[in-house]
């Protein structure tokens, strides 16, 4: 099992999500690690469409953060989808 450290705890990689933030600090997207790859660089390239665009976005202040799926459900989904939509399975 491959794991990563998030907030001081080891978490299986498959139990994590990538969240994407624009320069204004707004959450604009999220994806399972299974779709985007293991590294932040690969996740940003997936979200932006290419490694070149990912580098450009980082220079402009875009960020990618890895979070646990539990944190995504509790905090990210309601922020991105709205409270009611986030509760729908």
Protein backbone atom coordinates (compact mmCIF):
# COMPACT_ATOMS: atom_id res chain seq x y z
CA UNK A 1 0.00 0.00 0.00
CA UNK A 2 1.32 3.38 -0.97
CA UNK A 3 0.69 6.10 1.58
CA UNK A 4 1.19 9.84 1.96
CA UNK A 5 1.41 12.05 5.02
CA UNK A 6 -1.45 14.53 5.41
CA UNK A 7 -1.77 16.64 8.55
CA UNK A 8 0.75 14.41 10.31
CA UNK A 9 -1.03 11.11 9.58
CA UNK A 10 -0.23 8.42 7.02
CA UNK A 11 -3.13 7.97 4.60
CA UNK A 12 -3.45 5.42 1.78
CA UNK A 13 -3.09 7.23 -1.54
CA UNK A 14 -6.43 5.88 -2.74
CA UNK A 15 -8.09 7.68 0.18
CA UNK A 16 -6.96 11.09 -1.06
CA UNK A 17 -8.20 13.77 -3.44
CA UNK A 18 -6.53 16.65 -5.24
CA UNK A 19 -8.21 20.03 -4.83
CA UNK A 20 -7.57 22.90 -7.25
CA UNK A 21 -7.52 26.55 -6.13
CA UNK A 22 -7.46 29.70 -8.25
CA UNK A 23 -5.27 32.70 -7.38
CA UNK A 24 -8.16 34.32 -5.47
CA UNK A 25 -8.24 31.34 -3.09
CA UNK A 26 -11.45 29.83 -4.46
CA UNK A 27 -11.88 26.07 -4.75
CA UNK A 28 -12.54 25.39 -8.43
CA UNK A 29 -12.24 21.64 -8.76
CA UNK A 30 -11.32 18.29 -7.26
CA UNK A 31 -10.43 14.85 -8.49
CA UNK A 32 -9.47 11.49 -7.09
CA UNK A 33 -5.78 10.66 -7.27
CA UNK A 34 -6.77 7.69 -9.48
CA UNK A 35 -7.71 10.13 -12.27
CA UNK A 36 -4.90 12.63 -12.00
CA UNK A 37 -1.76 10.86 -10.84
CA UNK A 38 0.24 10.67 -7.69
CA UNK A 39 2.20 13.94 -7.79
CA UNK A 40 1.01 17.51 -7.48
CA UNK A 41 2.71 18.28 -10.80
CA UNK A 42 0.77 15.55 -12.61
CA UNK A 43 -2.47 16.60 -10.93
CA UNK A 44 -1.99 20.23 -11.98
CA UNK A 45 -1.12 19.16 -15.55
CA UNK A 46 -4.27 17.01 -15.66
CA UNK A 47 -6.42 19.90 -14.44
CA UNK A 48 -4.85 22.51 -16.73
CA UNK A 49 -4.58 20.22 -19.77
CA UNK A 50 -0.79 20.07 -20.13
CA UNK A 51 2.45 20.38 -18.21
CA UNK A 52 3.16 23.68 -19.95
CA UNK A 53 -0.19 25.16 -18.89
CA UNK A 54 0.33 23.80 -15.39
CA UNK A 55 3.67 25.62 -15.05
CA UNK A 56 2.06 28.82 -16.34
CA UNK A 57 -0.84 28.47 -13.89
CA UNK A 58 1.50 27.93 -10.93
CA UNK A 59 3.38 31.10 -11.82
CA UNK A 60 0.04 32.94 -11.79
CA UNK A 61 -0.87 31.63 -8.35
CA UNK A 62 -2.96 28.52 -9.02
CA UNK A 63 -2.47 25.76 -6.44
CA UNK A 64 -3.20 22.09 -6.01
CA UNK A 65 -3.56 20.50 -2.57
CA UNK A 66 -3.93 16.88 -1.55
CA UNK A 67 -6.63 16.22 1.06
CA UNK A 68 -8.23 13.12 2.50
CA UNK A 69 -11.52 12.00 1.00
CA UNK A 70 -13.09 12.51 4.43
CA UNK A 71 -11.96 16.15 4.46
CA UNK A 72 -13.22 16.57 0.89
CA UNK A 73 -16.67 15.28 1.88
CA UNK A 74 -16.79 17.45 5.01
CA UNK A 75 -15.32 20.68 3.60
CA UNK A 76 -14.59 20.65 -0.13
CA UNK A 77 -17.75 19.19 -1.61
CA UNK A 78 -20.08 21.61 0.20
CA UNK A 79 -17.87 24.53 -0.86
CA UNK A 80 -17.79 23.49 -4.51
CA UNK A 81 -21.20 21.86 -4.95
CA UNK A 82 -23.32 23.55 -2.30
CA UNK A 83 -24.52 22.02 0.94
CA UNK A 84 -27.46 20.03 -0.47
CA UNK A 85 -25.68 18.74 -3.54
CA UNK A 86 -22.74 17.56 -1.44
CA UNK A 87 -25.08 15.41 0.68
CA UNK A 88 -26.43 13.56 -2.37
CA UNK A 89 -24.62 10.25 -2.97
